[in-house]
Protein backbone atom coordinates (compact mmCIF):
# COMPACT_ATOMS: atom_id res chain seq x y z
CA GLU A 1 -160.48 -40.42 -10.30
CA ARG A 2 -157.72 -41.48 -7.90
CA GLU A 3 -158.26 -44.76 -6.17
CA LEU A 4 -156.71 -45.58 -2.83
CA TRP A 5 -155.50 -49.14 -2.40
CA LYS A 6 -155.95 -50.32 1.18
CA ILE A 7 -154.35 -53.53 2.31
CA GLU A 8 -157.17 -54.32 4.72
CA ASP A 9 -159.73 -54.07 1.90
CA ASP A 10 -157.81 -55.07 -1.20
CA PHE A 11 -155.25 -57.74 -0.23
CA LEU A 12 -157.59 -60.74 -0.38
CA PRO A 13 -159.12 -59.68 -3.73
CA LEU A 14 -155.57 -59.24 -5.05
CA LEU A 15 -154.67 -62.79 -3.96
CA ALA A 16 -157.84 -64.08 -5.64
CA LEU A 17 -156.82 -62.39 -8.91
CA CYS A 18 -153.33 -63.86 -8.61
CA LYS A 19 -154.85 -67.31 -8.11
CA GLU A 20 -156.74 -66.92 -11.41
CA VAL A 21 -153.54 -66.46 -13.40
CA LEU A 22 -151.41 -68.96 -11.48
CA SER A 23 -150.34 -71.96 -13.55
CA ASP A 24 -151.70 -75.45 -12.84
CA LYS A 25 -148.29 -76.48 -11.49
CA PRO A 26 -146.77 -73.38 -9.89
CA LEU A 27 -143.21 -73.42 -8.58
CA PHE A 28 -143.62 -70.63 -6.05
CA PHE A 29 -145.75 -67.72 -4.92
CA LEU A 30 -144.28 -64.77 -3.05
CA VAL A 31 -145.87 -61.69 -1.56
CA ASN A 32 -143.99 -58.84 0.10
CA GLY A 33 -145.56 -56.19 2.27
CA TYR A 34 -144.58 -52.85 3.63
CA ALA A 35 -147.76 -51.79 5.45
CA SER A 36 -147.41 -51.15 9.15
CA GLY A 37 -149.82 -53.03 11.35
CA TYR A 38 -150.03 -56.07 9.09
CA SER A 39 -147.98 -59.05 10.25
CA ALA A 40 -146.12 -61.76 8.38
CA ILE A 41 -148.42 -64.26 10.11
CA ALA A 42 -151.46 -62.51 8.63
CA TYR A 43 -149.85 -62.60 5.18
CA GLY A 44 -149.10 -66.30 5.59
CA ASN A 45 -152.60 -67.12 6.82
CA ASN A 46 -154.19 -65.25 3.92
CA LEU A 47 -151.86 -66.84 1.40
CA HIS A 48 -152.51 -70.32 2.78
CA GLU A 49 -156.27 -69.76 2.78
CA MET A 50 -156.48 -68.32 -0.73
CA LEU A 51 -153.98 -70.69 -2.35
CA PRO A 52 -154.54 -74.04 -0.65
CA LEU A 53 -151.65 -75.86 -2.26
CA ASP A 54 -151.36 -79.44 -1.03
CA SER A 55 -147.64 -79.91 -1.41
CA GLY A 56 -144.75 -77.61 -0.84
CA THR A 57 -143.71 -75.40 2.03
CA PHE A 58 -144.87 -72.10 3.43
CA GLU A 59 -142.43 -69.63 4.90
CA ILE A 60 -143.11 -66.25 6.49
CA GLY A 61 -140.73 -63.68 7.83
CA GLU A 62 -139.40 -60.19 8.07
CA LEU A 63 -137.43 -58.36 5.39
CA THR A 64 -134.38 -56.60 6.79
CA ILE A 65 -131.38 -54.58 5.78
CA THR A 66 -128.10 -54.44 7.66
CA GLU A 67 -127.06 -51.14 9.17
CA SER A 68 -123.61 -50.35 7.82
CA LYS A 69 -121.97 -49.03 10.98
CA SER A 70 -123.24 -51.49 13.57
CA GLU A 71 -124.41 -54.45 11.46
CA ARG A 72 -127.76 -54.38 13.25
CA LEU A 73 -130.71 -55.68 11.29
CA LEU A 74 -133.30 -53.02 10.49
CA PRO A 75 -136.87 -54.12 9.64
CA CYS A 76 -138.16 -52.95 6.29
CA GLY A 77 -141.06 -55.26 5.42
CA ILE A 78 -142.57 -58.72 5.64
CA PHE A 79 -143.04 -61.65 3.30
CA ALA A 80 -144.98 -64.87 2.85
CA ARG A 81 -143.77 -67.48 0.39
CA TRP A 82 -144.95 -70.87 -0.83
CA LYS A 83 -142.67 -73.05 -2.90
CA THR A 84 -142.65 -76.59 -4.17
CA SER A 85 -140.79 -79.17 -2.11
């Protein structure tokens, strides 16, 4: 049977599974996303809620590539990252 993974249903359970295998002293945690309609802020909020790490820094943003002819930035995804200070 084919299963369909939906970010709106499966992202938080995925983060919970990641939390289970995360070391006691992690150095970083990074999640990238390519689903339209889901913002970097939402990724960051979910990451912060599921992995309440006391120290370190959170960063969220947009993944881009540079267009070769005009050097414009083209959006191609989002990310949320936590890393130790």
